[in-house]
Every structure is written in C-alpha cells, then in structure tokens.
C-alpha atoms as a PDB file:
ATOM      1  CA  UNK A   1      11.231 -30.363  -5.088  1.00  0.00           C
ATOM      2  CA  UNK A   2       8.218 -28.041  -5.343  1.00  0.00           C
ATOM      3  CA  UNK A   3       6.266 -30.437  -7.556  1.00  0.00           C
ATOM      4  CA  UNK A   4       6.808 -33.179  -4.980  1.00  0.00           C
ATOM      5  CA  UNK A   5       5.255 -30.806  -2.413  1.00  0.00           C
ATOM      6  CA  UNK A   6       2.188 -30.207  -4.598  1.00  0.00           C
ATOM      7  CA  UNK A   7       3.203 -26.933  -6.284  1.00  0.00           C
ATOM      8  CA  UNK A   8       3.750 -26.233  -9.991  1.00  0.00           C
ATOM      9  CA  UNK A   9       6.134 -23.539 -11.255  1.00  0.00           C
ATOM     10  CA  UNK A  10       4.249 -21.177 -13.576  1.00  0.00           C
ATOM     11  CA  UNK A  11       6.604 -18.311 -14.390  1.00  0.00           C
ATOM     12  CA  UNK A  12       9.928 -16.786 -13.496  1.00  0.00           C
ATOM     13  CA  UNK A  13      13.533 -17.559 -14.217  1.00  0.00           C
ATOM     14  CA  UNK A  14      16.586 -17.845 -12.044  1.00  0.00           C
ATOM     15  CA  UNK A  15      17.551 -14.216 -12.784  1.00  0.00           C
ATOM     16  CA  UNK A  16      14.063 -12.650 -12.731  1.00  0.00           C
ATOM     17  CA  UNK A  17      13.802 -12.503  -8.950  1.00  0.00           C
ATOM     18  CA  UNK A  18      10.087 -13.328  -8.819  1.00  0.00           C
ATOM     19  CA  UNK A  19       8.882 -16.895  -9.095  1.00  0.00           C
ATOM     20  CA  UNK A  20       5.224 -17.817  -9.476  1.00  0.00           C
ATOM     21  CA  UNK A  21       3.727 -21.116  -8.368  1.00  0.00           C
ATOM     22  CA  UNK A  22       0.272 -22.609  -8.173  1.00  0.00           C
ATOM     23  CA  UNK A  23      -0.961 -25.399  -5.958  1.00  0.00           C
ATOM     24  CA  UNK A  24      -1.759 -28.531  -7.953  1.00  0.00           C
ATOM     25  CA  UNK A  25      -2.409 -30.896  -5.054  1.00  0.00           C
ATOM     26  CA  UNK A  26      -5.323 -30.097  -2.735  1.00  0.00           C
ATOM     27  CA  UNK A  27      -3.582 -31.955   0.105  1.00  0.00           C
ATOM     28  CA  UNK A  28      -0.483 -29.728  -0.032  1.00  0.00           C
ATOM     29  CA  UNK A  29       0.125 -26.960   2.481  1.00  0.00           C
ATOM     30  CA  UNK A  30      -1.244 -23.471   1.807  1.00  0.00           C
ATOM     31  CA  UNK A  31       2.195 -22.009   2.378  1.00  0.00           C
ATOM     32  CA  UNK A  32       4.922 -22.873  -0.111  1.00  0.00           C
ATOM     33  CA  UNK A  33       7.677 -22.276   2.440  1.00  0.00           C
ATOM     34  CA  UNK A  34       8.661 -25.583   3.969  1.00  0.00           C
ATOM     35  CA  UNK A  35      10.405 -24.460   7.144  1.00  0.00           C
ATOM     36  CA  UNK A  36      10.159 -21.685   9.708  1.00  0.00           C
ATOM     37  CA  UNK A  37      13.465 -20.083   8.695  1.00  0.00           C
ATOM     38  CA  UNK A  38      12.369 -19.499   5.089  1.00  0.00           C
ATOM     39  CA  UNK A  39       8.993 -18.198   6.280  1.00  0.00           C
ATOM     40  CA  UNK A  40      10.757 -15.829   8.676  1.00  0.00           C
ATOM     41  CA  UNK A  41      13.023 -14.671   5.843  1.00  0.00           C
ATOM     42  CA  UNK A  42       9.991 -13.828   3.720  1.00  0.00           C
ATOM     43  CA  UNK A  43       8.473 -11.735   6.517  1.00  0.00           C
ATOM     44  CA  UNK A  44      11.813 -10.009   7.137  1.00  0.00           C
ATOM     45  CA  UNK A  45      12.153  -9.090   3.432  1.00  0.00           C
ATOM     46  CA  UNK A  46       8.578  -7.782   3.380  1.00  0.00           C
ATOM     47  CA  UNK A  47       9.218  -5.697   6.486  1.00  0.00           C
ATOM     48  CA  UNK A  48      12.427  -4.256   5.012  1.00  0.00           C
ATOM     49  CA  UNK A  49      10.755  -3.308   1.711  1.00  0.00           C
ATOM     50  CA  UNK A  50       7.835  -1.616   3.472  1.00  0.00           C
ATOM     51  CA  UNK A  51      10.156   0.211   5.856  1.00  0.00           C
ATOM     52  CA  UNK A  52      12.295   1.563   3.019  1.00  0.00           C
ATOM     53  CA  UNK A  53       9.161   2.785   1.210  1.00  0.00           C
ATOM     54  CA  UNK A  54       7.925   4.453   4.388  1.00  0.00           C
ATOM     55  CA  UNK A  55      11.293   6.148   4.941  1.00  0.00           C
ATOM     56  CA  UNK A  56      11.223   7.432   1.361  1.00  0.00           C
ATOM     57  CA  UNK A  57       7.675   8.823   1.660  1.00  0.00           C
ATOM     58  CA  UNK A  58       7.998  10.375   5.107  1.00  0.00           C
ATOM     59  CA  UNK A  59      10.208  13.360   4.103  1.00  0.00           C
ATOM     60  CA  UNK A  60       7.910  14.114   1.160  1.00  0.00           C
ATOM     61  CA  UNK A  61       4.921  14.059   3.502  1.00  0.00           C
ATOM     62  CA  UNK A  62       6.653  16.394   5.972  1.00  0.00           C
ATOM     63  CA  UNK A  63       7.584  18.801   3.165  1.00  0.00           C
ATOM     64  CA  UNK A  64       4.010  18.827   1.869  1.00  0.00           C
ATOM     65  CA  UNK A  65       2.612  19.511   5.349  1.00  0.00           C
ATOM     66  CA  UNK A  66       5.083  22.285   6.191  1.00  0.00           C
ATOM     67  CA  UNK A  67       4.704  23.995   2.807  1.00  0.00           C
ATOM     68  CA  UNK A  68       0.925  24.219   3.177  1.00  0.00           C
ATOM     69  CA  UNK A  69      -0.032  21.868   0.343  1.00  0.00           C
ATOM     70  CA  UNK A  70      -2.555  20.131   2.565  1.00  0.00           C
ATOM     71  CA  UNK A  71      -5.549  22.412   2.866  1.00  0.00           C
ATOM     72  CA  UNK A  72      -7.638  21.331   5.829  1.00  0.00           C
ATOM     73  CA  UNK A  73     -10.048  24.229   5.218  1.00  0.00           C
ATOM     74  CA  UNK A  74     -11.566  22.186   2.405  1.00  0.00           C
ATOM     75  CA  UNK A  75     -13.656  20.262   4.877  1.00  0.00           C
ATOM     76  CA  UNK A  76     -15.290  23.510   5.943  1.00  0.00           C
ATOM     77  CA  UNK A  77     -15.540  25.192   2.538  1.00  0.00           C
ATOM     78  CA  UNK A  78     -14.961  22.847  -0.439  1.00  0.00           C
ATOM     79  CA  UNK A  79     -15.944  25.646  -2.845  1.00  0.00           C
ATOM     80  CA  UNK A  80     -12.371  26.972  -2.494  1.00  0.00           C
ATOM     81  CA  UNK A  81     -11.083  24.061  -4.568  1.00  0.00           C
ATOM     82  CA  UNK A  82     -13.065  25.120  -7.664  1.00  0.00           C
ATOM     83  CA  UNK A  83     -11.156  27.615  -9.812  1.00  0.00           C
ATOM     84  CA  UNK A  84     -13.733  28.351 -12.537  1.00  0.00           C
ATOM     85  CA  UNK A  85     -14.508  32.077 -12.344  1.00  0.00           C
ATOM     86  CA  UNK A  86     -18.126  32.782 -11.490  1.00  0.00           C
ATOM     87  CA  UNK A  87     -19.026  29.104 -11.174  1.00  0.00           C
ATOM     88  CA  UNK A  88     -21.262  29.608  -8.166  1.00  0.00           C
ATOM     89  CA  UNK A  89     -23.189  32.426  -9.900  1.00  0.00           C
ATOM     90  CA  UNK A  90     -24.083  30.240 -12.899  1.00  0.00           C
ATOM     91  CA  UNK A  91     -27.276  28.220 -13.187  1.00  0.00           C
ATOM     92  CA  UNK A  92     -28.815  25.486 -15.258  1.00  0.00           C
ATOM     93  CA  UNK A  93     -26.962  23.373 -17.770  1.00  0.00           C
ATOM     94  CA  UNK A  94     -23.954  25.726 -17.928  1.00  0.00           C
ATOM     95  CA  UNK A  95     -23.400  25.374 -14.168  1.00  0.00           C
ATOM     96  CA  UNK A  96     -23.722  21.595 -14.163  1.00  0.00           C
ATOM     97  CA  UNK A  97     -21.453  21.159 -17.179  1.00  0.00           C
ATOM     98  CA  UNK A  98     -18.653  23.213 -15.637  1.00  0.00           C
ATOM     99  CA  UNK A  99     -19.231  21.850 -12.126  1.00  0.00           C
ATOM    100  CA  UNK A 100     -19.065  18.213 -13.219  1.00  0.00           C
ATOM    101  CA  UNK A 101     -16.025  18.877 -15.383  1.00  0.00           C
ATOM    102  CA  UNK A 102     -14.065  20.526 -12.587  1.00  0.00           C
ATOM    103  CA  UNK A 103     -15.136  18.292  -9.679  1.00  0.00           C
ATOM    104  CA  UNK A 104     -12.511  15.557 -10.238  1.00  0.00           C
ATOM    105  CA  UNK A 105      -9.772  18.203 -10.349  1.00  0.00           C
ATOM    106  CA  UNK A 106     -11.127  19.889  -7.231  1.00  0.00           C
ATOM    107  CA  UNK A 107     -11.214  16.579  -5.377  1.00  0.00           C
ATOM    108  CA  UNK A 108      -7.623  15.828  -6.332  1.00  0.00           C
ATOM    109  CA  UNK A 109      -6.568  19.343  -5.490  1.00  0.00           C
ATOM    110  CA  UNK A 110      -8.200  19.347  -2.101  1.00  0.00           C
ATOM    111  CA  UNK A 111      -8.233  15.812  -0.803  1.00  0.00           C
ATOM    112  CA  UNK A 112      -5.144  14.077  -2.202  1.00  0.00           C
ATOM    113  CA  UNK A 113      -3.506  14.490   1.192  1.00  0.00           C
ATOM    114  CA  UNK A 114      -5.902  11.860   2.563  1.00  0.00           C
ATOM    115  CA  UNK A 115      -4.232   9.315   0.274  1.00  0.00           C
ATOM    116  CA  UNK A 116      -0.822  10.252   1.731  1.00  0.00           C
ATOM    117  CA  UNK A 117      -2.075   9.752   5.284  1.00  0.00           C
ATOM    118  CA  UNK A 118      -3.696   6.446   4.322  1.00  0.00           C
ATOM    119  CA  UNK A 119      -0.503   5.197   2.656  1.00  0.00           C
ATOM    120  CA  UNK A 120       1.650   6.158   5.627  1.00  0.00           C
ATOM    121  CA  UNK A 121      -0.650   4.557   8.209  1.00  0.00           C
ATOM    122  CA  UNK A 122      -1.079   1.436   6.088  1.00  0.00           C
ATOM    123  CA  UNK A 123       2.681   1.156   5.688  1.00  0.00           C
ATOM    124  CA  UNK A 124       3.227   1.421   9.433  1.00  0.00           C
ATOM    125  CA  UNK A 125       0.536  -1.204  10.063  1.00  0.00           C
ATOM    126  CA  UNK A 126       2.062  -3.704   7.640  1.00  0.00           C
ATOM    127  CA  UNK A 127       5.611  -3.003   8.823  1.00  0.00           C
ATOM    128  CA  UNK A 128       4.579  -3.843  12.376  1.00  0.00           C
ATOM    129  CA  UNK A 129       2.545  -6.863  11.274  1.00  0.00           C
ATOM    130  CA  UNK A 130       5.336  -8.355   9.147  1.00  0.00           C
ATOM    131  CA  UNK A 131       7.912  -7.701  11.872  1.00  0.00           C
ATOM    132  CA  UNK A 132       5.693  -9.457  14.434  1.00  0.00           C
ATOM    133  CA  UNK A 133       5.236 -12.418  12.071  1.00  0.00           C
ATOM    134  CA  UNK A 134       9.015 -12.520  11.620  1.00  0.00           C
ATOM    135  CA  UNK A 135       9.615 -12.579  15.383  1.00  0.00           C
ATOM    136  CA  UNK A 136       6.856 -15.156  15.992  1.00  0.00           C
ATOM    137  CA  UNK A 137       8.212 -17.415  13.247  1.00  0.00           C
ATOM    138  CA  UNK A 138      11.721 -17.230  14.679  1.00  0.00           C
ATOM    139  CA  UNK A 139      10.405 -18.010  18.161  1.00  0.00           C
ATOM    140  CA  UNK A 140       8.391 -20.984  16.919  1.00  0.00           C
ATOM    141  CA  UNK A 141      11.496 -22.236  15.089  1.00  0.00           C
ATOM    142  CA  UNK A 142      13.502 -22.028  18.331  1.00  0.00           C
ATOM    143  CA  UNK A 143      10.774 -23.918  20.202  1.00  0.00           C
ATOM    144  CA  UNK A 144      10.764 -26.667  17.553  1.00  0.00           C
ATOM    145  CA  UNK A 145      14.535 -27.050  17.801  1.00  0.00           C
ATOM    146  CA  UNK A 146      14.513 -27.492  21.568  1.00  0.00           C
END
C-alpha cells in the first residue's frame, strides 16, 4: 500500500513500534498519512508523549527551585561558581591552566538551570502546537465529511 503511494519501507518490524519510510516518488505527498484521522492520531500521540514528559519533569524542576539549586546570583558574580582555592590571586600560565580547566564545571554548576527552563518552555510550546494541529485536523476531517 505504501509503495503504491510512493513510499518505500526502510526499517522496522511489526513488533518494533517504529517504522521508517523514504519517499521514492517525487510526485507523492510529503505526508505519509493518507487521511485526516491518521494525521490527527499522530498529533494526539505526540501531544500525549510531550505532556507526560512535561509532567515528569515539572516536580523535579519545582524541587530544584525550592531547594536552592538554581543560583541566580551567578549572573551578578560568576566567580562564585569556581571552587579552586586562590584562583583569582594567581597569574600567568598557572591561572589560565586552572581557569580553563574549571570553566566547564563552573558553567554546568551555575547555569544548568537554564537548560531546565528551556526544556520546560519548549515542551509547553510543542504540547500546545501538537494539540492545535490535532484539533485542526479533526475539524478539517469533519468539514470534508459534510
């Protein structure tokens, strides 16, 4: 059925869950889903997966915020994230060697919370977007039927 529509099955089995296809006919549709109901089902599944991930991350984010793991003072004084004793009194090659070694750890220590905020906002954005696509696809399917 898919090959007749211009798509070739590349990988995946009946029990693997994920199927991979590639378009072999340039005149075939960009979307492999043939009807609005299957397209709406895809958007609904995407929305459900993103929502469950968001629900799982939200309590961890709240715990991290309330326990003080997110240090907003780092924007004002990033030197607090460096733990090497006497680092700021050193000079020359010794300073640069220790500074460059510790900088990745200091960045992770001080600014990892930005990744959490980005993940949460991105999740909310895609949850809303996929839910809107789901609703729009269902509405267009109802219009086509009538």
